């Protein structure tokens, strides 16, 4: 691990920007100068990004469907991409769904095994989130076994069944494409959805029991795509205290009123709107209804979204960066990171001040990414 004192840079500390030296040693932020002195004039040092939800790793795990099975190599490539984008802690969000293919349990278990193999060998802290489909009742036991086997501490609940269409007896949109991804015929895929839909009455009790078991194990839980106050209230009663990507202001406000945490998508901020036509994340941020911005499907998005919040006049620089560092660290229960303070993990990002380009990422006191002229100053 590095033992260095960075001098001359502007440093984003919990109190705001200052120019005092920042030292790291033994994988931690040091309270006093340590080791070799490095001149970083012209650069900014910020806390490493904590990504509370991201599935951008899928392109590395399955770059072309059915063509490659280099899962561990894919995790290594993902870790490098995360570091290049300033992400020092990454929650890899993997589906456990009836949708099959890359969202099915078989693929999920391959991902979990590969991450478990690679995670100890890379600087970026790779963690797992299991995204469980609420109506996939027959796979709950297997999901719980996977949580225990790979020590997964975070579960998020989704429901991707097109209930309205199924209730009307109509075919869902994009049925053929989704069936092909699952490895099923359109007819078989539709029959499965219809069968799951008919078991709706069993779902609430099954979720009540499952959430009680997970809560007893200290597993963190979230709900995805909340739309109503009633829905968020029901999840809270089950101990599900994180609202991921609420689709309406009503749901986000309900989360805030209930002291739940709200995670929004950084790509939504960057593009200025939801790709699915839901409420714009910037509107919720402006209303104070956001605790964390997550990469969702694009790892460059968190850093870009933080600066976009500043450009839009929603937040100052320190508050905007907290949405990608301290905020997500807190909602994930990771009290040892997200800020540049003595004793915390040495997770930091170095940017050029004029372009805001990330040129160095340090994760747990190790260099995870290094590019350009700054390498000369270190080497």
Protein backbone atom coordinates (compact mmCIF):
# COMPACT_ATOMS: atom_id res chain seq x y z
CA UNK A 1 0.00 0.00 0.00
CA UNK A 2 1.08 3.54 -0.70
CA UNK A 3 2.60 5.85 1.89
CA UNK A 4 2.45 9.33 0.37
CA UNK A 5 1.73 12.97 1.14
CA UNK A 6 -0.04 14.89 -1.62
CA UNK A 7 0.79 18.60 -1.57
CA UNK A 8 -0.45 21.62 -3.49
CA UNK A 9 -3.78 20.11 -4.56
CA UNK A 10 -7.21 21.38 -3.70
CA UNK A 11 -8.78 18.77 -1.39
CA UNK A 12 -12.50 18.21 -0.86
CA UNK A 13 -12.79 17.45 2.85
CA UNK A 14 -16.02 17.12 4.88
CA UNK A 15 -15.81 20.84 5.70
CA UNK A 16 -15.31 21.82 2.06
CA UNK A 17 -12.31 22.65 -0.14
CA UNK A 18 -8.89 23.39 1.34
CA UNK A 19 -5.27 23.18 0.20
CA UNK A 20 -3.69 21.45 3.19
CA UNK A 21 -1.66 18.31 2.37
CA UNK A 22 -3.46 14.97 2.28
CA UNK A 23 -1.53 11.90 3.40
CA UNK A 24 -2.26 8.19 3.07
CA UNK A 25 -0.57 5.24 4.76
CA UNK A 26 -1.52 1.64 5.53
CA UNK A 27 -4.60 1.88 3.35
CA UNK A 28 -6.01 4.78 5.39
CA UNK A 29 -6.14 8.56 5.37
CA UNK A 30 -3.35 9.69 7.67
CA UNK A 31 -3.59 12.48 10.23
CA UNK A 32 -0.05 13.75 9.54
CA UNK A 33 2.38 13.73 6.60
CA UNK A 34 3.60 10.26 5.65
CA UNK A 35 6.15 8.90 3.21
CA UNK A 36 7.21 10.59 0.01
CA UNK A 37 5.88 14.04 -0.87
CA UNK A 38 4.07 14.38 -4.21
CA UNK A 39 3.42 17.76 -5.85
CA UNK A 40 -0.17 17.82 -7.13
CA UNK A 41 -0.51 21.51 -7.92
CA UNK A 42 -3.21 21.99 -10.54
CA UNK A 43 -5.17 18.94 -9.44
CA UNK A 44 -8.19 18.34 -7.22
CA UNK A 45 -8.51 15.41 -4.78
CA UNK A 46 -12.00 14.14 -3.96
CA UNK A 47 -13.41 11.14 -2.07
CA UNK A 48 -13.69 7.95 -4.10
CA UNK A 49 -17.09 7.27 -5.62
CA UNK A 50 -19.32 4.71 -3.91
CA UNK A 51 -21.69 3.23 -6.48
CA UNK A 52 -24.83 1.92 -4.79
CA UNK A 53 -26.25 0.19 -7.88
CA UNK A 54 -24.77 -0.64 -11.25
CA UNK A 55 -25.24 -3.31 -13.89
CA UNK A 56 -22.75 -1.96 -16.43
CA UNK A 57 -20.66 -5.08 -15.79
CA UNK A 58 -23.03 -7.12 -17.97
CA UNK A 59 -21.22 -6.14 -21.17
CA UNK A 60 -18.02 -7.59 -19.73
CA UNK A 61 -19.62 -10.77 -18.47
CA UNK A 62 -21.44 -11.55 -21.72
CA UNK A 63 -20.03 -9.34 -24.51
CA UNK A 64 -21.92 -11.32 -27.15
CA UNK A 65 -24.70 -13.66 -26.11
CA UNK A 66 -23.57 -17.28 -26.21
CA UNK A 67 -20.15 -16.46 -27.68
CA UNK A 68 -17.91 -16.11 -24.61
CA UNK A 69 -17.85 -17.44 -21.06
CA UNK A 70 -14.76 -15.64 -19.76
CA UNK A 71 -16.52 -14.54 -16.58
CA UNK A 72 -13.47 -13.89 -14.39
CA UNK A 73 -11.73 -11.95 -17.14
CA UNK A 74 -14.91 -9.93 -17.45
CA UNK A 75 -14.84 -9.04 -13.75
CA UNK A 76 -11.22 -7.89 -14.09
CA UNK A 77 -12.15 -5.69 -17.04
CA UNK A 78 -15.09 -4.31 -15.07
CA UNK A 79 -12.84 -3.44 -12.11
CA UNK A 80 -10.53 -1.51 -14.43
CA UNK A 81 -13.45 0.41 -15.93
CA UNK A 82 -14.80 1.25 -12.49
CA UNK A 83 -11.43 2.61 -11.39
CA UNK A 84 -11.04 4.66 -14.57
CA UNK A 85 -14.31 6.37 -13.66
CA UNK A 86 -13.36 7.08 -10.05
CA UNK A 87 -15.48 4.33 -8.50
CA UNK A 88 -13.69 2.80 -5.53
CA UNK A 89 -16.62 0.80 -4.13
CA UNK A 90 -19.07 -0.83 -6.53
CA UNK A 91 -22.35 -2.60 -5.80
CA UNK A 92 -22.76 -4.96 -8.75
CA UNK A 93 -26.52 -5.39 -9.23
CA UNK A 94 -27.38 -8.83 -10.60
CA UNK A 95 -30.89 -9.97 -11.47
CA UNK A 96 -32.45 -13.13 -10.02
CA UNK A 97 -35.40 -13.29 -12.32
CA UNK A 98 -37.87 -15.44 -14.25
CA UNK A 99 -36.74 -13.44 -17.30
CA UNK A 100 -33.92 -15.94 -17.76
CA UNK A 101 -30.75 -15.53 -19.79
CA UNK A 102 -28.47 -12.92 -18.20
CA UNK A 103 -31.21 -12.28 -15.63
CA UNK A 104 -31.75 -15.87 -14.58
CA UNK A 105 -30.38 -17.73 -11.53
CA UNK A 106 -27.88 -19.81 -13.53
CA UNK A 107 -26.17 -16.73 -14.94
CA UNK A 108 -26.39 -14.99 -11.55
CA UNK A 109 -24.53 -17.79 -9.84
CA UNK A 110 -21.78 -17.60 -12.45
CA UNK A 111 -21.47 -13.87 -11.77
CA UNK A 112 -21.40 -14.37 -8.01
CA UNK A 113 -18.70 -17.04 -8.27
CA UNK A 114 -16.57 -14.92 -10.59
CA UNK A 115 -16.81 -11.83 -8.39
CA UNK A 116 -15.93 -13.89 -5.32
CA UNK A 117 -12.83 -15.16 -7.15
CA UNK A 118 -11.63 -11.80 -8.47
CA UNK A 119 -12.67 -9.33 -5.75
CA UNK A 120 -9.81 -10.10 -3.33
CA UNK A 121 -7.24 -9.48 -6.10
CA UNK A 122 -8.24 -5.95 -7.22
CA UNK A 123 -8.09 -2.59 -5.40
CA UNK A 124 -11.71 -1.59 -6.12
CA UNK A 125 -14.08 -2.98 -3.49
CA UNK A 126 -16.48 -5.18 -5.48
CA UNK A 127 -19.74 -6.03 -3.74
CA UNK A 128 -22.91 -7.82 -4.79
CA UNK A 129 -26.56 -6.89 -4.85
CA UNK A 130 -29.17 -9.54 -5.66
CA UNK A 131 -32.16 -8.13 -7.55
CA UNK A 132 -35.03 -10.46 -6.78
CA UNK A 133 -38.23 -10.59 -8.83
CA UNK A 134 -41.14 -10.49 -6.40
CA UNK A 135 -43.30 -13.03 -8.25
CA UNK A 136 -40.54 -15.59 -8.80
CA UNK A 137 -41.78 -17.50 -5.76
CA UNK A 138 -40.39 -20.91 -6.64
CA UNK A 139 -36.86 -19.47 -6.80
CA UNK A 140 -36.89 -17.79 -3.37
CA UNK A 141 -35.24 -20.76 -1.62
CA UNK A 142 -32.45 -20.92 -4.17
CA UNK A 143 -31.96 -17.17 -3.88
CA UNK A 144 -31.60 -17.40 -0.11
CA UNK A 145 -29.05 -20.18 -0.54
CA UNK A 146 -27.08 -17.97 -2.92
CA UNK A 147 -27.15 -15.08 -0.42
CA UNK A 148 -25.68 -17.35 2.23
CA UNK A 149 -23.13 -19.03 -0.02
CA UNK A 150 -21.64 -15.80 -1.37
CA UNK A 151 -22.30 -13.68 1.73
CA UNK A 152 -24.39 -11.15 -0.19
CA UNK A 153 -25.65 -8.41 2.10
CA UNK A 154 -28.01 -6.44 -0.12
CA UNK A 155 -31.28 -7.48 -1.79
CA UNK A 156 -33.47 -5.26 -3.96
CA UNK A 157 -37.00 -6.26 -5.00
CA UNK A 158 -38.27 -5.77 -8.56
CA UNK A 159 -41.47 -6.62 -10.38
CA UNK A 160 -41.08 -6.65 -14.16
CA UNK A 161 -44.26 -8.53 -14.97
CA UNK A 162 -46.57 -6.53 -17.31
CA UNK A 163 -49.59 -7.13 -15.07
CA UNK A 164 -52.01 -4.84 -16.89
CA UNK A 165 -51.44 -6.54 -20.23
CA UNK A 166 -51.60 -10.00 -18.72
CA UNK A 167 -54.82 -9.19 -16.88
CA UNK A 168 -56.34 -8.08 -20.17
CA UNK A 169 -55.21 -11.26 -21.91
CA UNK A 170 -52.98 -9.32 -24.32
CA UNK A 171 -49.42 -10.10 -25.33
CA UNK A 172 -46.81 -7.86 -23.72
CA UNK A 173 -44.73 -5.59 -25.97
CA UNK A 174 -41.34 -6.86 -27.17
CA UNK A 175 -42.34 -10.43 -26.28
CA UNK A 176 -40.35 -12.10 -29.05
CA UNK A 177 -37.10 -10.26 -28.29
CA UNK A 178 -37.37 -10.93 -24.55
CA UNK A 179 -38.15 -14.59 -25.18
CA UNK A 180 -35.08 -14.98 -27.37
CA UNK A 181 -32.88 -13.45 -24.66
CA UNK A 182 -34.30 -15.93 -22.17
CA UNK A 183 -33.66 -18.90 -24.45
CA UNK A 184 -37.38 -19.70 -24.68
CA UNK A 185 -39.93 -19.58 -27.45
CA UNK A 186 -42.35 -16.63 -27.32
CA UNK A 187 -45.18 -19.03 -26.46
CA UNK A 188 -43.28 -20.60 -23.55
CA UNK A 189 -42.16 -17.22 -22.26
CA UNK A 190 -45.70 -15.85 -22.34
CA UNK A 191 -47.06 -18.94 -20.58
CA UNK A 192 -44.50 -18.47 -17.79
CA UNK A 193 -45.49 -14.83 -17.31
CA UNK A 194 -49.15 -15.74 -17.20
CA UNK A 195 -48.50 -18.45 -14.63
CA UNK A 196 -46.57 -16.06 -12.40
CA UNK A 197 -49.26 -13.40 -12.77
CA UNK A 198 -51.97 -15.80 -11.61
CA UNK A 199 -50.11 -16.30 -8.30
CA UNK A 200 -50.37 -12.66 -7.27
CA UNK A 201 -52.38 -13.45 -4.15
CA UNK A 202 -49.51 -15.55 -2.80
CA UNK A 203 -46.89 -12.83 -3.19
CA UNK A 204 -47.55 -10.51 -0.21
CA UNK A 205 -47.34 -13.25 2.41
CA UNK A 206 -44.27 -14.77 0.76
CA UNK A 207 -42.53 -11.39 0.75
CA UNK A 208 -43.50 -10.72 4.36
CA UNK A 209 -41.88 -13.99 5.42
CA UNK A 210 -38.81 -13.56 3.22
CA UNK A 211 -38.14 -10.00 4.35
CA UNK A 212 -38.45 -11.05 7.99
CA UNK A 213 -35.82 -13.75 7.45
CA UNK A 214 -33.47 -11.40 5.62
CA UNK A 215 -33.88 -8.66 8.23
CA UNK A 216 -33.02 -11.14 10.98
CA UNK A 217 -29.73 -11.76 9.16
CA UNK A 218 -28.95 -8.07 8.91
CA UNK A 219 -29.32 -8.03 5.13
CA UNK A 220 -29.97 -4.58 3.70
CA UNK A 221 -33.08 -4.34 1.50
CA UNK A 222 -34.40 -1.97 -1.14
CA UNK A 223 -37.36 -1.68 -3.50
CA UNK A 224 -37.03 -0.74 -7.15
CA UNK A 225 -39.22 1.68 -9.12
CA UNK A 226 -41.58 2.76 -6.32
CA UNK A 227 -44.58 4.69 -7.64
CA UNK A 228 -46.95 5.37 -4.73
CA UNK A 229 -47.01 6.29 -1.05
CA UNK A 230 -48.88 3.09 -0.29
CA UNK A 231 -46.28 0.97 -2.02
CA UNK A 232 -43.37 2.61 -0.23
CA UNK A 233 -45.20 2.34 3.10
CA UNK A 234 -45.74 -1.38 2.57
CA UNK A 235 -42.08 -1.98 1.78
CA UNK A 236 -41.03 0.03 4.84
CA UNK A 237 -43.24 -2.13 7.04
CA UNK A 238 -41.25 -5.13 5.81
CA UNK A 239 -37.96 -3.49 6.77
CA UNK A 240 -37.11 -2.44 3.20
CA UNK A 241 -35.62 1.00 3.85
CA UNK A 242 -34.02 1.95 0.51
CA UNK A 243 -36.03 3.27 -2.41
CA UNK A 244 -34.15 2.72 -5.66
CA UNK A 245 -35.10 4.90 -8.60
CA UNK A 246 -38.59 6.00 -7.47
CA UNK A 247 -40.63 6.80 -10.56
CA UNK A 248 -42.73 9.61 -9.05
CA UNK A 249 -42.27 12.54 -6.71
CA UNK A 250 -44.98 11.05 -4.54
CA UNK A 251 -42.94 7.91 -3.92
CA UNK A 252 -39.71 9.83 -3.29
CA UNK A 253 -41.48 12.13 -0.84
CA UNK A 254 -43.00 9.14 0.92
CA UNK A 255 -39.52 7.69 1.32
CA UNK A 256 -38.19 10.94 2.74
CA UNK A 257 -41.16 11.30 5.11
CA UNK A 258 -40.51 7.77 6.36
CA UNK A 259 -36.77 8.42 6.78
CA UNK A 260 -35.92 5.93 4.06
CA UNK A 261 -32.97 6.43 1.72
CA UNK A 262 -33.48 7.40 -1.93
CA UNK A 263 -31.15 6.30 -4.73
CA UNK A 264 -31.51 7.95 -8.14
CA UNK A 265 -29.90 7.17 -11.48
CA UNK A 266 -26.92 9.28 -12.47
CA UNK A 267 -27.60 8.76 -16.22
CA UNK A 268 -31.00 10.38 -15.67
CA UNK A 269 -29.24 13.52 -14.42
CA UNK A 270 -26.71 13.53 -17.26
CA UNK A 271 -29.29 13.18 -20.03
CA UNK A 272 -31.75 15.50 -18.30
CA UNK A 273 -34.64 13.05 -18.11
CA UNK A 274 -35.66 9.48 -17.48
CA UNK A 275 -35.26 7.24 -20.52
CA UNK A 276 -38.54 5.57 -19.46
CA UNK A 277 -40.52 8.78 -19.18
CA UNK A 278 -40.59 8.93 -15.37
CA UNK A 279 -39.82 11.97 -13.21
CA UNK A 280 -36.47 13.65 -13.88
CA UNK A 281 -33.87 12.95 -11.20
CA UNK A 282 -32.80 16.60 -11.25
CA UNK A 283 -36.28 17.61 -10.11
CA UNK A 284 -36.05 15.30 -7.11
CA UNK A 285 -32.53 16.46 -6.28
CA UNK A 286 -33.69 20.08 -6.38
CA UNK A 287 -36.44 19.16 -3.94
CA UNK A 288 -33.96 17.54 -1.56
CA UNK A 289 -35.27 14.04 -2.25
CA UNK A 290 -32.03 12.23 -3.07
CA UNK A 291 -29.39 10.56 -0.90
CA UNK A 292 -27.28 8.92 -3.58
CA UNK A 293 -26.67 8.88 -7.32
CA UNK A 294 -25.85 5.48 -8.82
CA UNK A 295 -24.28 4.51 -12.13
CA UNK A 296 -27.25 2.32 -13.08
CA UNK A 297 -26.06 1.17 -16.52
CA UNK A 298 -23.17 3.61 -17.24
CA UNK A 299 -20.08 3.82 -15.02
CA UNK A 300 -18.94 7.31 -16.16
CA UNK A 301 -22.31 8.75 -15.09
CA UNK A 302 -21.84 9.37 -11.31
CA UNK A 303 -18.94 11.82 -11.65
CA UNK A 304 -20.58 13.54 -14.61
CA UNK A 305 -23.92 13.76 -12.81
CA UNK A 306 -22.37 15.38 -9.75
CA UNK A 307 -20.91 18.19 -11.86
CA UNK A 308 -24.17 18.45 -13.80
CA UNK A 309 -25.95 19.17 -10.49
CA UNK A 310 -23.53 22.05 -9.98
CA UNK A 311 -24.03 23.36 -13.52
CA UNK A 312 -27.80 23.31 -13.04
CA UNK A 313 -27.49 25.28 -9.81
CA UNK A 314 -29.06 22.48 -7.78
CA UNK A 315 -26.17 22.02 -5.34
CA UNK A 316 -22.74 23.38 -4.55
CA UNK A 317 -19.71 21.23 -5.42
CA UNK A 318 -19.33 19.63 -1.98
CA UNK A 319 -23.02 18.75 -1.69
CA UNK A 320 -23.12 17.40 -5.23
CA UNK A 321 -20.09 15.17 -4.68
CA UNK A 322 -21.60 13.84 -1.45
CA UNK A 323 -24.34 12.27 -3.58
CA UNK A 324 -21.74 9.95 -5.13
CA UNK A 325 -19.49 9.43 -2.11
CA UNK A 326 -20.64 10.01 1.46
CA UNK A 327 -24.36 9.63 0.69
CA UNK A 328 -24.21 6.16 -0.86
CA UNK A 329 -21.63 5.03 1.70
CA UNK A 330 -24.00 5.91 4.53
CA UNK A 331 -27.08 4.23 3.07
CA UNK A 332 -25.02 1.08 2.48
CA UNK A 333 -23.76 1.16 6.08
CA UNK A 334 -20.14 1.70 5.00
CA UNK A 335 -19.01 4.18 7.64
CA UNK A 336 -15.32 3.78 6.83
CA UNK A 337 -15.43 5.56 3.45
CA UNK A 338 -17.05 8.32 1.41
CA UNK A 339 -15.09 11.15 3.07
CA UNK A 340 -11.46 12.29 3.23
CA UNK A 341 -10.88 12.20 6.98
CA UNK A 342 -8.13 10.63 9.13
CA UNK A 343 -8.64 6.95 9.83
CA UNK A 344 -11.01 6.28 6.93
CA UNK A 345 -10.17 4.10 3.91
CA UNK A 346 -7.76 5.71 1.50
CA UNK A 347 -10.29 5.93 -1.35
CA UNK A 348 -9.72 9.00 -3.46
CA UNK A 349 -10.02 10.42 -6.95
CA UNK A 350 -7.62 12.92 -8.52
CA UNK A 351 -8.96 15.17 -11.28
CA UNK A 352 -7.50 17.84 -13.48
CA UNK A 353 -9.05 21.07 -12.27
CA UNK A 354 -9.84 22.58 -15.64
CA UNK A 355 -11.30 19.53 -17.43
CA UNK A 356 -12.47 17.46 -14.42
CA UNK A 357 -10.93 14.45 -16.08
CA UNK A 358 -10.09 11.60 -13.70
CA UNK A 359 -6.36 10.88 -13.88
CA UNK A 360 -5.80 8.80 -10.74
CA UNK A 361 -7.93 6.60 -8.53
CA UNK A 362 -6.68 5.17 -5.25
CA UNK A 363 -8.77 2.44 -3.61
CA UNK A 364 -7.91 1.10 -0.19
CA UNK A 365 -4.48 2.69 -0.41
CA UNK A 366 -3.60 1.08 -3.75
CA UNK A 367 -3.43 2.67 -7.19
CA UNK A 368 -6.41 1.40 -9.15
CA UNK A 369 -6.11 3.81 -12.10
CA UNK A 370 -3.34 6.11 -13.29
CA UNK A 371 -3.15 7.99 -16.57
CA UNK A 372 -1.22 10.79 -18.19
CA UNK A 373 1.14 13.42 -16.85
CA UNK A 374 0.34 12.73 -13.22
CA UNK A 375 2.19 9.42 -13.52
CA UNK A 376 5.46 11.33 -13.93
CA UNK A 377 4.88 13.05 -10.59
CA UNK A 378 4.42 9.73 -8.83
CA UNK A 379 7.09 7.76 -10.66
